[in-house]
């Protein structure tokens, strides 16, 4: 059975109340009877509206709630977000990482700064190619250091491939950004009802927020994991917590896993809710083994970004070597490639050597001439002594 959406039920209730009011006014014509009738009408209307919309946990269908979340996230088209994060693994804190994330539609650029090293990963930043990668790190495979790498998916081993979608930060409990390893739409836009998945939905409170608590099997691993979402009752796109529970009898290694992400957010502009802090944790058999805290600074949302934001020219300098790890559309086959500041070109070794060769100055010319004179004099003197 399909539940009516909130907007549909609200409309039906309003029409019903108007018809009921009209009937009462006809039935009770004198002032006393009208007062009694209207009083009775008010009592009935309060009972109907309160029981229908306030406390009934199925007044908002779970699938509709998930759709509301997707619609609200899709209102964010572009942005510039800065994130500072620090993880803790088995009680040991890792090095803090500074992230700068710029996105516009399908294009996403991530600058990850760790100590003095910089890693840049860019999605759809060169023609229609999947990913672009650049690093100054020395502990990454040496052939990729200070090189512009083009690759598909995970075809370039050793690279940091995390390209989070910041507008989904806090909606999946898989990392501090919540959208690194899984496309959120695979979770929130999946047709659970059509495929026989059942929802459990109850009213709950979390951190002072009145929420809907929705639980359902996560289809991504055949329903072995249970996903639970705490969404605000008044603004259902605001998700304060997401749990992913994999019980030990289904984990395959006898460990009970619970991944959780808690989110604090605020309304940025035009009723767009965005996280300002997330706290991720992984619990194994009741013990926290991994956690991370991320703090967000929103520099802009739905504002135009600089034209070259997603171009290699804003990421690397001219004469940067190019490593082509795509199995398609390789420019200049068999040639070694370089980024010349505007496009990918083959390396011209002759021109490169001419550019790198030291210029011959006046002193060098005199030295060469003097050297030739001395050599000629030496040869002449040797010939003179030979035939003397």
Protein backbone atom coordinates (compact mmCIF):
# COMPACT_ATOMS: atom_id res chain seq x y z
CA UNK A 1 0.00 0.00 0.00
CA UNK A 2 1.36 3.39 -0.97
CA UNK A 3 1.08 6.20 1.59
CA UNK A 4 -0.05 9.64 0.43
CA UNK A 5 2.62 12.29 0.30
CA UNK A 6 2.39 15.07 2.88
CA UNK A 7 1.38 17.68 0.30
CA UNK A 8 -1.43 15.43 -1.02
CA UNK A 9 -2.82 14.67 2.44
CA UNK A 10 -2.65 18.34 3.50
CA UNK A 11 -4.63 19.39 0.42
CA UNK A 12 -7.31 16.73 1.03
CA UNK A 13 -7.60 17.75 4.70
CA UNK A 14 -8.10 21.43 3.79
CA UNK A 15 -10.82 20.63 1.26
CA UNK A 16 -12.55 18.33 3.74
CA UNK A 17 -12.53 21.02 6.44
CA UNK A 18 -14.02 23.62 4.09
CA UNK A 19 -16.82 21.33 3.01
CA UNK A 20 -17.52 20.37 6.63
CA UNK A 21 -17.62 24.05 7.64
CA UNK A 22 -20.05 24.89 4.85
CA UNK A 23 -22.38 22.06 5.88
CA UNK A 24 -22.33 23.17 9.54
CA UNK A 25 -23.19 26.75 8.62
CA UNK A 26 -26.28 25.55 6.68
CA UNK A 27 -27.39 23.15 9.39
CA UNK A 28 -27.09 25.60 12.30
CA UNK A 29 -28.59 28.95 11.27
CA UNK A 30 -29.05 30.80 14.57
CA UNK A 31 -26.07 32.31 16.39
CA UNK A 32 -26.15 29.90 19.34
CA UNK A 33 -26.29 26.78 17.23
CA UNK A 34 -23.67 28.21 14.89
CA UNK A 35 -21.29 28.77 17.81
CA UNK A 36 -21.83 25.21 19.04
CA UNK A 37 -21.37 23.85 15.53
CA UNK A 38 -18.19 25.84 14.88
CA UNK A 39 -16.81 24.77 18.25
CA UNK A 40 -17.50 21.15 17.36
CA UNK A 41 -15.82 21.77 13.97
CA UNK A 42 -12.68 23.19 15.63
CA UNK A 43 -12.38 20.18 17.93
CA UNK A 44 -12.75 17.75 15.02
CA UNK A 45 -10.26 19.65 12.85
CA UNK A 46 -7.63 19.72 15.63
CA UNK A 47 -8.03 15.97 16.20
CA UNK A 48 -7.78 15.23 12.49
CA UNK A 49 -4.75 17.41 11.77
CA UNK A 50 -2.82 16.42 14.89
CA UNK A 51 -3.37 12.70 14.47
CA UNK A 52 -2.61 12.86 10.75
CA UNK A 53 0.54 14.96 10.67
CA UNK A 54 2.20 15.36 14.05
CA UNK A 55 2.73 12.02 15.69
CA UNK A 56 1.93 9.45 13.00
CA UNK A 57 5.33 8.05 11.91
CA UNK A 58 3.97 7.06 8.51
CA UNK A 59 2.56 10.50 7.59
CA UNK A 60 5.68 10.92 5.44
CA UNK A 61 6.43 7.87 3.33
CA UNK A 62 10.10 6.76 3.72
CA UNK A 63 10.69 6.68 -0.03
CA UNK A 64 9.31 10.22 -0.32
CA UNK A 65 11.64 11.34 2.44
CA UNK A 66 14.63 9.93 0.53
CA UNK A 67 13.45 11.74 -2.60
CA UNK A 68 13.19 14.98 -0.61
CA UNK A 69 16.82 14.57 0.42
CA UNK A 70 17.93 14.08 -3.20
CA UNK A 71 15.92 17.10 -4.38
CA UNK A 72 17.39 19.31 -1.66
CA UNK A 73 20.98 18.20 -2.40
CA UNK A 74 20.43 18.85 -6.11
CA UNK A 75 19.72 22.49 -5.33
CA UNK A 76 23.47 22.84 -4.79
CA UNK A 77 25.11 23.18 -8.21
CA UNK A 78 28.54 24.61 -7.48
CA UNK A 79 30.70 25.69 -4.58
CA UNK A 80 34.05 26.31 -2.96
CA UNK A 81 34.53 24.51 0.36
CA UNK A 82 37.54 24.24 2.68
CA UNK A 83 37.80 21.27 5.06
CA UNK A 84 40.23 20.61 7.89
CA UNK A 85 40.26 17.03 9.11
CA UNK A 86 42.16 14.77 11.46
CA UNK A 87 41.76 11.03 11.88
CA UNK A 88 42.51 8.73 14.78
CA UNK A 89 43.25 5.04 14.16
CA UNK A 90 43.53 2.65 17.10
CA UNK A 91 44.20 5.54 19.46
CA UNK A 92 46.89 7.21 17.31
CA UNK A 93 46.17 10.56 15.69
CA UNK A 94 47.19 11.05 12.08
CA UNK A 95 48.65 14.17 10.49
CA UNK A 96 45.98 16.88 9.99
CA UNK A 97 44.93 17.33 6.38
CA UNK A 98 43.69 20.50 4.71
CA UNK A 99 41.30 20.04 1.80
CA UNK A 100 40.19 22.61 -0.74
CA UNK A 101 37.23 21.41 -2.82
CA UNK A 102 35.79 23.24 -5.82
CA UNK A 103 32.89 21.80 -7.78
CA UNK A 104 30.54 22.77 -10.58
CA UNK A 105 28.13 20.16 -11.96
CA UNK A 106 30.11 17.01 -12.75
CA UNK A 107 33.46 18.78 -12.43
CA UNK A 108 35.21 18.50 -9.07
CA UNK A 109 38.71 19.60 -8.08
CA UNK A 110 40.28 18.54 -4.79
CA UNK A 111 43.52 20.04 -3.48
CA UNK A 112 44.81 17.99 -0.57
CA UNK A 113 47.59 19.58 1.48
CA UNK A 114 49.45 17.32 3.89
CA UNK A 115 52.42 19.01 5.58
CA UNK A 116 54.37 20.50 2.65
CA UNK A 117 53.08 18.16 -0.06
CA UNK A 118 50.18 18.87 -2.38
CA UNK A 119 47.98 16.35 -4.16
CA UNK A 120 45.44 17.55 -6.72
CA UNK A 121 42.75 15.27 -8.12
CA UNK A 122 40.33 16.65 -10.69
CA UNK A 123 37.24 14.99 -12.17
CA UNK A 124 36.26 15.87 -15.77
CA UNK A 125 38.94 18.54 -15.97
CA UNK A 126 40.36 17.78 -19.44
CA UNK A 127 37.97 17.31 -22.35
CA UNK A 128 35.77 14.32 -21.49
CA UNK A 129 38.45 12.36 -19.65
CA UNK A 130 37.66 10.91 -16.30
CA UNK A 131 40.40 12.00 -13.90
CA UNK A 132 43.47 14.17 -13.71
CA UNK A 133 46.08 13.75 -10.99
CA UNK A 134 49.08 15.80 -9.89
CA UNK A 135 51.32 15.46 -6.86
CA UNK A 136 54.49 16.94 -5.42
CA UNK A 137 54.90 14.07 -2.98
CA UNK A 138 58.06 12.00 -3.03
CA UNK A 139 56.57 8.96 -1.32
CA UNK A 140 54.19 8.31 -4.21
CA UNK A 141 55.46 6.23 -7.15
CA UNK A 142 58.41 8.23 -8.48
CA UNK A 143 57.16 8.27 -12.07
CA UNK A 144 54.15 10.32 -10.96
CA UNK A 145 56.01 12.89 -8.89
CA UNK A 146 55.55 16.36 -10.41
CA UNK A 147 53.79 14.79 -13.39
CA UNK A 148 50.31 15.35 -14.79
CA UNK A 149 48.54 11.95 -14.77
CA UNK A 150 45.42 11.12 -16.77
CA UNK A 151 43.59 7.93 -15.82
CA UNK A 152 40.27 6.09 -15.67
CA UNK A 153 38.84 4.99 -12.32
CA UNK A 154 41.38 3.03 -10.32
CA UNK A 155 43.69 2.15 -13.23
CA UNK A 156 46.68 4.05 -11.88
CA UNK A 157 47.91 2.16 -8.77
CA UNK A 158 49.39 4.15 -5.91
CA UNK A 159 47.36 7.28 -6.53
CA UNK A 160 45.05 8.89 -4.01
CA UNK A 161 41.75 8.69 -5.80
CA UNK A 162 39.37 10.29 -3.30
CA UNK A 163 37.07 12.70 -5.10
CA UNK A 164 34.31 13.55 -2.61
CA UNK A 165 31.07 15.24 -3.53
CA UNK A 166 30.86 17.94 -0.83
CA UNK A 167 27.13 18.55 -1.22
CA UNK A 168 26.62 15.00 0.12
CA UNK A 169 28.95 15.43 3.08
CA UNK A 170 27.47 13.69 6.11
CA UNK A 171 24.91 11.59 4.24
CA UNK A 172 26.91 8.34 4.02
CA UNK A 173 28.96 6.88 6.89
CA UNK A 174 31.98 5.76 4.89
CA UNK A 175 34.44 8.61 5.53
CA UNK A 176 34.45 12.00 7.14
CA UNK A 177 33.05 13.49 3.92
CA UNK A 178 30.62 10.64 3.55
CA UNK A 179 30.72 10.41 -0.23
CA UNK A 180 34.19 9.28 -1.20
CA UNK A 181 33.72 5.57 -1.83
CA UNK A 182 30.05 5.32 -2.85
CA UNK A 183 27.83 7.37 -5.12
CA UNK A 184 25.13 8.70 -2.75
CA UNK A 185 22.47 8.38 -5.44
CA UNK A 186 22.97 4.60 -5.38
CA UNK A 187 21.63 4.75 -1.82
CA UNK A 188 19.07 7.57 -1.88
CA UNK A 189 17.59 7.10 -5.37
CA UNK A 190 17.33 3.31 -5.39
CA UNK A 191 13.81 1.90 -5.88
CA UNK A 192 13.63 -0.05 -2.63
CA UNK A 193 9.88 -0.73 -2.77
CA UNK A 194 9.99 -2.12 -6.29
CA UNK A 195 12.76 -4.51 -5.27
CA UNK A 196 11.04 -5.75 -2.13
CA UNK A 197 12.99 -3.89 0.58
CA UNK A 198 11.03 -3.00 3.72
CA UNK A 199 11.36 0.17 5.78
CA UNK A 200 11.01 0.73 9.50
CA UNK A 201 10.14 4.33 10.38
CA UNK A 202 9.51 5.76 13.85
CA UNK A 203 9.62 9.14 15.55
CA UNK A 204 12.79 9.79 17.59
CA UNK A 205 14.86 12.59 19.06
CA UNK A 206 18.57 13.17 18.56
CA UNK A 207 20.57 16.03 20.03
CA UNK A 208 17.42 18.02 20.71
CA UNK A 209 16.10 17.51 17.16
CA UNK A 210 12.75 15.81 16.55
CA UNK A 211 13.52 13.27 13.85
CA UNK A 212 12.26 10.46 11.70
CA UNK A 213 14.37 7.38 12.28
CA UNK A 214 14.34 5.28 9.13
CA UNK A 215 15.97 1.83 8.89
CA UNK A 216 16.24 -0.37 5.81
CA UNK A 217 18.58 -3.01 4.34
CA UNK A 218 21.35 -1.51 2.20
CA UNK A 219 21.03 -3.09 -1.23
CA UNK A 220 24.70 -2.43 -2.17
CA UNK A 221 25.84 -5.58 -0.34
CA UNK A 222 22.76 -7.75 -0.91
CA UNK A 223 20.98 -6.32 2.13
CA UNK A 224 23.48 -7.67 4.67
CA UNK A 225 24.02 -4.18 6.12
CA UNK A 226 21.29 -2.13 7.78
CA UNK A 227 21.25 1.61 7.08
CA UNK A 228 19.59 3.93 9.61
CA UNK A 229 18.99 7.63 8.96
CA UNK A 230 17.92 10.31 11.46
CA UNK A 231 16.23 13.10 9.46
CA UNK A 232 14.58 16.25 10.78
CA UNK A 233 10.76 15.95 10.86
CA UNK A 234 10.14 19.52 9.70
CA UNK A 235 13.00 19.68 7.19
CA UNK A 236 13.56 16.10 6.13
CA UNK A 237 16.61 16.89 3.96
CA UNK A 238 18.56 17.69 7.13
CA UNK A 239 20.21 14.45 8.20
CA UNK A 240 21.88 14.48 11.62
CA UNK A 241 23.12 10.89 11.81
CA UNK A 242 23.60 7.90 9.52
CA UNK A 243 24.49 4.40 10.75
CA UNK A 244 25.57 1.43 8.71
CA UNK A 245 25.48 -1.80 10.72
CA UNK A 246 26.94 -5.08 9.48
CA UNK A 247 26.27 -7.84 12.06
CA UNK A 248 29.00 -10.37 12.77
CA UNK A 249 26.97 -13.31 11.45
CA UNK A 250 27.00 -11.63 8.01
CA UNK A 251 30.43 -9.95 8.02
CA UNK A 252 32.39 -13.05 7.09
CA UNK A 253 35.15 -12.42 9.64
CA UNK A 254 33.11 -12.69 12.84
CA UNK A 255 33.33 -8.94 13.55
CA UNK A 256 30.31 -6.74 14.23
CA UNK A 257 30.80 -3.46 12.35
CA UNK A 258 29.07 -0.15 12.99
CA UNK A 259 30.00 2.87 10.86
CA UNK A 260 28.46 6.15 12.00
CA UNK A 261 28.59 9.76 10.92
CA UNK A 262 27.13 12.59 13.03
CA UNK A 263 26.59 15.94 11.38
CA UNK A 264 26.15 19.52 12.59
CA UNK A 265 24.90 21.93 9.95
CA UNK A 266 23.44 25.33 9.35
CA UNK A 267 21.37 27.12 6.74
CA UNK A 268 23.81 28.88 4.41
CA UNK A 269 21.61 30.69 1.89
CA UNK A 270 18.12 30.37 0.41
CA UNK A 271 17.23 27.61 2.86
CA UNK A 272 20.19 25.42 1.78
CA UNK A 273 21.36 23.32 4.70
CA UNK A 274 25.06 22.44 4.70
CA UNK A 275 27.29 20.61 7.21
CA UNK A 276 29.77 22.65 9.23
CA UNK A 277 31.19 19.63 11.12
CA UNK A 278 31.07 15.86 10.76
CA UNK A 279 32.27 13.16 13.13
CA UNK A 280 32.87 9.72 11.65
CA UNK A 281 33.53 6.58 13.69
CA UNK A 282 33.94 2.88 13.06
CA UNK A 283 33.15 0.45 15.87
CA UNK A 284 34.28 -3.18 15.74
CA UNK A 285 32.74 -5.51 18.32
CA UNK A 286 31.84 -2.50 20.44
CA UNK A 287 35.28 -0.85 20.30
CA UNK A 288 36.00 2.32 18.34
CA UNK A 289 38.92 1.55 16.01
CA UNK A 290 38.80 4.56 13.72
CA UNK A 291 37.39 8.06 13.87
CA UNK A 292 37.79 11.44 12.22
CA UNK A 293 36.50 14.95 12.70
CA UNK A 294 36.09 17.37 9.80
CA UNK A 295 35.30 21.07 10.02
CA UNK A 296 33.87 22.84 6.97
CA UNK A 297 34.23 26.42 5.84
CA UNK A 298 31.85 27.30 3.02
CA UNK A 299 33.43 30.03 0.88
CA UNK A 300 30.70 30.02 -1.78
CA UNK A 301 27.66 28.08 -2.95
CA UNK A 302 25.96 28.32 -6.35
CA UNK A 303 28.27 31.16 -7.38
CA UNK A 304 30.38 31.29 -10.59
CA UNK A 305 33.93 29.96 -10.20
CA UNK A 306 37.00 31.29 -12.08
CA UNK A 307 37.09 30.14 -15.72
CA UNK A 308 40.32 28.12 -15.39
CA UNK A 309 39.38 26.39 -12.12
CA UNK A 310 39.06 22.99 -13.82
CA UNK A 311 41.81 23.43 -16.41
CA UNK A 312 45.31 21.90 -16.11
CA UNK A 313 46.73 25.38 -16.69
CA UNK A 314 45.57 26.39 -13.18
CA UNK A 315 47.03 23.21 -11.66
CA UNK A 316 50.49 22.75 -13.21
CA UNK A 317 53.20 24.86 -14.81
CA UNK A 318 54.25 24.61 -18.46
CA UNK A 319 56.73 21.84 -19.34
CA UNK A 320 55.18 19.43 -16.81
CA UNK A 321 55.58 15.78 -17.94
CA UNK A 322 52.36 13.93 -18.79
CA UNK A 323 51.68 10.29 -17.85
CA UNK A 324 48.84 8.89 -19.97
CA UNK A 325 47.13 5.98 -18.20
CA UNK A 326 43.96 5.95 -20.24
CA UNK A 327 43.50 3.05 -22.62
CA UNK A 328 41.90 5.35 -25.19
CA UNK A 329 42.44 8.54 -27.18
CA UNK A 330 46.13 8.85 -26.40
CA UNK A 331 47.49 11.93 -28.18
CA UNK A 332 50.67 11.41 -30.23
CA UNK A 333 51.03 7.63 -29.81
CA UNK A 334 54.50 6.35 -28.95
CA UNK A 335 55.71 9.85 -28.10
CA UNK A 336 56.63 11.15 -24.65
CA UNK A 337 54.20 13.90 -23.68
CA UNK A 338 54.40 17.24 -21.95
CA UNK A 339 51.95 19.97 -20.93
CA UNK A 340 53.05 23.19 -22.67
CA UNK A 341 50.76 25.46 -20.67
CA UNK A 342 47.82 25.23 -23.06
CA UNK A 343 47.68 21.66 -24.36
CA UNK A 344 49.38 18.26 -24.41
CA UNK A 345 52.21 18.05 -26.96
CA UNK A 346 55.04 15.58 -27.72
CA UNK A 347 58.42 16.42 -26.26
CA UNK A 348 60.73 18.07 -28.84
CA UNK A 349 64.10 16.98 -27.52
CA UNK A 350 66.11 19.09 -29.99
CA UNK A 351 64.34 22.29 -29.02
CA UNK A 352 64.55 21.31 -25.37
CA UNK A 353 68.31 20.79 -25.56
CA UNK A 354 68.73 24.10 -27.37
CA UNK A 355 66.71 25.86 -24.69
CA UNK A 356 68.61 24.21 -21.87
CA UNK A 357 72.08 24.64 -23.41
CA UNK A 358 74.10 27.53 -21.92
CA UNK A 359 74.46 30.58 -24.08
CA UNK A 360 77.94 31.16 -25.55
CA UNK A 361 79.28 34.48 -24.29
CA UNK A 362 82.19 36.65 -25.50
CA UNK A 363 84.64 35.15 -23.03
CA UNK A 364 83.74 31.65 -24.16
CA UNK A 365 84.26 32.61 -27.83
CA UNK A 366 87.71 34.08 -27.08
CA UNK A 367 88.61 30.98 -25.09
CA UNK A 368 87.60 28.73 -27.98
CA UNK A 369 89.58 30.78 -30.53
CA UNK A 370 92.64 30.86 -28.28
CA UNK A 371 92.34 27.12 -27.76
CA UNK A 372 92.19 26.53 -31.52
CA UNK A 373 95.26 28.77 -32.04
CA UNK A 374 97.26 26.87 -29.43
CA UNK A 375 96.21 23.53 -30.89
CA UNK A 376 97.22 24.70 -34.38
CA UNK A 377 100.54 26.02 -33.04
CA UNK A 378 101.23 22.72 -31.28
CA UNK A 379 100.47 20.69 -34.41
CA UNK A 380 102.68 23.01 -36.53
CA UNK A 381 105.56 22.81 -34.09
CA UNK A 382 105.35 19.00 -34.03
CA UNK A 383 105.39 18.82 -37.83
CA UNK A 384 108.32 21.25 -38.00
CA UNK A 385 110.41 19.10 -35.63
CA UNK A 386 109.46 15.95 -37.57
CA UNK A 387 110.68 17.19 -40.92
CA UNK A 388 113.58 19.32 -39.70
